[in-house]
Amino acid sequence: MRKTLFTASALALALAAPFAQAFEAGDIIVRAGAITVDPHEDSSDINHAVLGDVAGSKATLDSNTQLGLNFAYMVTD
């Protein structure tokens, strides 16, 4: 029982800690994390008024994950 309560408390503290930060004027904040783009595309060939359906004009999109960086400077409190 005590081990479960300790584990739950530690987990709650770890999840809440990033939100309990106080920033002051002059602080520089740097954040990094994974950014994912996962489009769900459904595309067909372009339909031109004169040419009709243009073969090979279908759009294709791929999923991608990259490093996202965020910088902030606190001007005032």
Protein backbone atom coordinates (compact mmCIF):
# COMPACT_ATOMS: atom_id res chain seq x y z
CA MET A 1 0.00 0.00 0.00
CA ARG A 2 2.75 2.48 0.93
CA LYS A 3 4.77 1.58 -2.16
CA THR A 4 1.75 2.14 -4.41
CA LEU A 5 0.97 5.48 -2.75
CA PHE A 6 4.61 6.56 -3.07
CA THR A 7 4.69 5.56 -6.76
CA ALA A 8 1.44 7.41 -7.47
CA SER A 9 2.70 10.50 -5.65
CA ALA A 10 6.00 10.47 -7.51
CA LEU A 11 4.21 10.11 -10.84
CA ALA A 12 1.83 12.98 -10.04
CA LEU A 13 4.75 15.19 -9.02
CA ALA A 14 6.68 14.35 -12.18
CA LEU A 15 3.68 15.21 -14.37
CA ALA A 16 2.85 18.46 -12.54
CA ALA A 17 6.41 19.80 -12.15
CA PRO A 18 6.76 21.37 -15.63
CA PHE A 19 3.62 23.46 -15.04
CA ALA A 20 4.81 24.87 -11.71
CA GLN A 21 7.63 26.98 -13.10
CA ALA A 22 7.70 30.71 -12.44
CA PHE A 23 9.44 32.92 -14.98
CA GLU A 24 10.75 36.43 -14.43
CA ALA A 25 11.78 39.27 -16.70
CA GLY A 26 15.06 38.50 -18.44
CA ASP A 27 14.63 34.71 -18.35
CA ILE A 28 15.50 32.78 -21.48
CA ILE A 29 13.46 29.62 -22.01
CA VAL A 30 14.60 26.85 -24.37
CA ARG A 31 12.40 23.86 -25.07
CA ALA A 32 12.96 20.85 -27.30
CA GLY A 33 10.75 17.96 -28.28
CA ALA A 34 9.63 15.66 -31.04
CA ILE A 35 7.26 17.19 -33.62
CA THR A 36 5.23 14.82 -35.79
CA VAL A 37 3.25 15.56 -38.93
CA ASP A 38 0.96 12.69 -39.84
CA PRO A 39 -1.27 13.72 -42.76
CA HIS A 40 -4.15 11.57 -43.92
CA GLU A 41 -4.30 12.50 -47.58
CA ASP A 42 -6.82 11.36 -50.12
CA SER A 43 -5.91 12.74 -53.51
CA SER A 44 -6.87 12.08 -57.07
CA ASP A 45 -5.41 13.22 -60.39
CA ILE A 46 -5.94 16.87 -61.36
CA ASN A 47 -8.94 17.29 -63.65
CA HIS A 48 -8.17 19.93 -66.29
CA ALA A 49 -10.96 21.50 -68.37
CA VAL A 50 -9.20 20.80 -71.69
CA LEU A 51 -6.82 17.94 -70.90
CA GLY A 52 -9.14 15.98 -68.61
CA ASP A 53 -7.44 13.91 -65.91
CA VAL A 54 -3.70 14.64 -65.87
CA ALA A 55 -1.85 11.39 -65.19
CA GLY A 56 0.78 11.52 -62.47
CA SER A 57 -0.58 14.70 -60.85
CA LYS A 58 -1.78 12.95 -57.71
CA ALA A 59 -0.37 14.43 -54.48
CA THR A 60 1.46 12.18 -52.05
CA LEU A 61 2.31 13.11 -48.47
CA ASP A 62 4.45 11.20 -46.00
CA SER A 63 4.55 11.22 -42.23
CA ASN A 64 7.59 12.79 -40.62
CA THR A 65 9.01 13.32 -37.13
CA GLN A 66 11.68 15.92 -36.43
CA LEU A 67 13.25 17.82 -33.57
CA GLY A 68 11.23 20.90 -32.62
CA LEU A 69 12.99 23.80 -30.86
CA ASN A 70 11.26 26.67 -29.08
CA PHE A 71 13.02 29.74 -27.71
CA ALA A 72 11.42 32.47 -25.59
CA TYR A 73 12.68 35.57 -23.83
CA MET A 74 10.60 36.99 -20.99
CA VAL A 75 10.52 40.78 -21.47
CA THR A 76 8.34 41.55 -18.43
CA ASP A 77 7.05 39.70 -15.37
